[in-house]
């Protein structure tokens, strides 16, 4: 699957129904020894004023917590 196919998909926690973000707005943690994605990093500072924040804070979602990649959403279990 290509990044372009994923970037607009919403990330949803299947346990709470909470929308956590959009895949295209996430950072990826990649293991440089094997090129595998190890986790998604979703910014907690998503407002306009976060631009002025000195430190970025993330929700870290291990890749193995992804339950299903659907047509419009990525379902995770936290």
C-alpha atoms as a PDB file:
ATOM      1  CA  UNK A   1       0.000   0.000   0.000  1.00  0.00           C
ATOM      2  CA  UNK A   2       1.278   3.472  -0.855  1.00  0.00           C
ATOM      3  CA  UNK A   3       1.432   6.486   1.449  1.00  0.00           C
ATOM      4  CA  UNK A   4      -0.850   8.438  -0.897  1.00  0.00           C
ATOM      5  CA  UNK A   5      -3.564   5.832  -0.352  1.00  0.00           C
ATOM      6  CA  UNK A   6      -3.338   6.232   3.439  1.00  0.00           C
ATOM      7  CA  UNK A   7      -2.749   9.936   4.036  1.00  0.00           C
ATOM      8  CA  UNK A   8      -6.418  11.041   4.137  1.00  0.00           C
ATOM      9  CA  UNK A   9      -7.641   8.204   6.366  1.00  0.00           C
ATOM     10  CA  UNK A  10      -8.863   8.964   9.863  1.00  0.00           C
ATOM     11  CA  UNK A  11      -7.331   7.079  12.776  1.00  0.00           C
ATOM     12  CA  UNK A  12     -10.053   5.773  15.110  1.00  0.00           C
ATOM     13  CA  UNK A  13      -9.701   3.988  18.461  1.00  0.00           C
ATOM     14  CA  UNK A  14     -12.072   0.997  18.187  1.00  0.00           C
ATOM     15  CA  UNK A  15     -12.431   0.772  21.980  1.00  0.00           C
ATOM     16  CA  UNK A  16     -13.703   4.326  22.494  1.00  0.00           C
ATOM     17  CA  UNK A  17     -14.767   5.507  19.029  1.00  0.00           C
ATOM     18  CA  UNK A  18     -12.455   8.498  19.474  1.00  0.00           C
ATOM     19  CA  UNK A  19     -10.972  10.098  16.366  1.00  0.00           C
ATOM     20  CA  UNK A  20      -7.255  10.489  17.042  1.00  0.00           C
ATOM     21  CA  UNK A  21      -6.150  12.201  13.859  1.00  0.00           C
ATOM     22  CA  UNK A  22      -5.457  11.877  10.156  1.00  0.00           C
ATOM     23  CA  UNK A  23      -2.714   9.532   8.973  1.00  0.00           C
ATOM     24  CA  UNK A  24      -1.194  12.208   6.742  1.00  0.00           C
ATOM     25  CA  UNK A  25      -0.677  14.477   9.759  1.00  0.00           C
ATOM     26  CA  UNK A  26       1.209  11.803  11.720  1.00  0.00           C
ATOM     27  CA  UNK A  27       4.911  11.278  12.016  1.00  0.00           C
ATOM     28  CA  UNK A  28       6.241   7.762  11.627  1.00  0.00           C
ATOM     29  CA  UNK A  29       8.862   6.087  13.800  1.00  0.00           C
ATOM     30  CA  UNK A  30      10.930   3.850  11.532  1.00  0.00           C
ATOM     31  CA  UNK A  31      13.492   1.253  12.591  1.00  0.00           C
ATOM     32  CA  UNK A  32      16.451   2.213  10.412  1.00  0.00           C
ATOM     33  CA  UNK A  33      18.013  -1.250  10.714  1.00  0.00           C
ATOM     34  CA  UNK A  34      15.187  -2.903   8.758  1.00  0.00           C
ATOM     35  CA  UNK A  35      13.032  -0.070   7.359  1.00  0.00           C
ATOM     36  CA  UNK A  36       9.925  -1.198   9.286  1.00  0.00           C
ATOM     37  CA  UNK A  37       7.437   1.316  10.689  1.00  0.00           C
ATOM     38  CA  UNK A  38       7.371   0.759  14.462  1.00  0.00           C
ATOM     39  CA  UNK A  39       4.821   3.377  15.533  1.00  0.00           C
ATOM     40  CA  UNK A  40       2.630   6.308  14.568  1.00  0.00           C
ATOM     41  CA  UNK A  41       3.257   9.613  16.329  1.00  0.00           C
ATOM     42  CA  UNK A  42       0.100  11.703  16.532  1.00  0.00           C
ATOM     43  CA  UNK A  43       0.620  15.301  17.609  1.00  0.00           C
ATOM     44  CA  UNK A  44      -1.366  16.404  20.648  1.00  0.00           C
ATOM     45  CA  UNK A  45      -0.740  20.033  19.641  1.00  0.00           C
ATOM     46  CA  UNK A  46      -3.059  20.294  16.670  1.00  0.00           C
ATOM     47  CA  UNK A  47      -4.398  23.818  17.136  1.00  0.00           C
ATOM     48  CA  UNK A  48      -3.166  26.981  15.413  1.00  0.00           C
ATOM     49  CA  UNK A  49      -1.573  28.187  18.647  1.00  0.00           C
ATOM     50  CA  UNK A  50       0.543  25.035  18.899  1.00  0.00           C
ATOM     51  CA  UNK A  51       2.713  26.648  16.217  1.00  0.00           C
ATOM     52  CA  UNK A  52       4.102  28.824  19.004  1.00  0.00           C
ATOM     53  CA  UNK A  53       4.679  25.886  21.344  1.00  0.00           C
ATOM     54  CA  UNK A  54       8.321  25.123  22.046  1.00  0.00           C
ATOM     55  CA  UNK A  55       7.866  21.389  22.473  1.00  0.00           C
ATOM     56  CA  UNK A  56       5.885  18.959  20.365  1.00  0.00           C
ATOM     57  CA  UNK A  57       3.998  16.297  22.315  1.00  0.00           C
ATOM     58  CA  UNK A  58       2.844  13.063  20.724  1.00  0.00           C
ATOM     59  CA  UNK A  59       0.566  10.139  21.339  1.00  0.00           C
ATOM     60  CA  UNK A  60       2.675   7.116  20.400  1.00  0.00           C
ATOM     61  CA  UNK A  61       0.745   4.260  18.813  1.00  0.00           C
ATOM     62  CA  UNK A  62       2.727   1.052  18.273  1.00  0.00           C
ATOM     63  CA  UNK A  63       2.237  -0.310  14.745  1.00  0.00           C
ATOM     64  CA  UNK A  64       0.986  -3.639  16.123  1.00  0.00           C
ATOM     65  CA  UNK A  65      -2.003  -1.792  17.672  1.00  0.00           C
ATOM     66  CA  UNK A  66      -3.443  -1.282  14.174  1.00  0.00           C
ATOM     67  CA  UNK A  67      -6.433  -3.609  13.919  1.00  0.00           C
ATOM     68  CA  UNK A  68      -7.673  -2.847  10.401  1.00  0.00           C
ATOM     69  CA  UNK A  69      -6.867  -0.498   7.548  1.00  0.00           C
ATOM     70  CA  UNK A  70     -10.173   0.210   5.859  1.00  0.00           C
ATOM     71  CA  UNK A  71     -11.290   2.264   2.876  1.00  0.00           C
ATOM     72  CA  UNK A  72     -11.665   5.517   4.866  1.00  0.00           C
ATOM     73  CA  UNK A  73     -10.266   4.745   8.313  1.00  0.00           C
ATOM     74  CA  UNK A  74      -7.429   3.113  10.184  1.00  0.00           C
ATOM     75  CA  UNK A  75      -8.752   1.295  13.241  1.00  0.00           C
ATOM     76  CA  UNK A  76      -6.500   0.926  16.280  1.00  0.00           C
ATOM     77  CA  UNK A  77      -6.976  -0.748  19.642  1.00  0.00           C
ATOM     78  CA  UNK A  78      -5.522   1.070  22.645  1.00  0.00           C
END
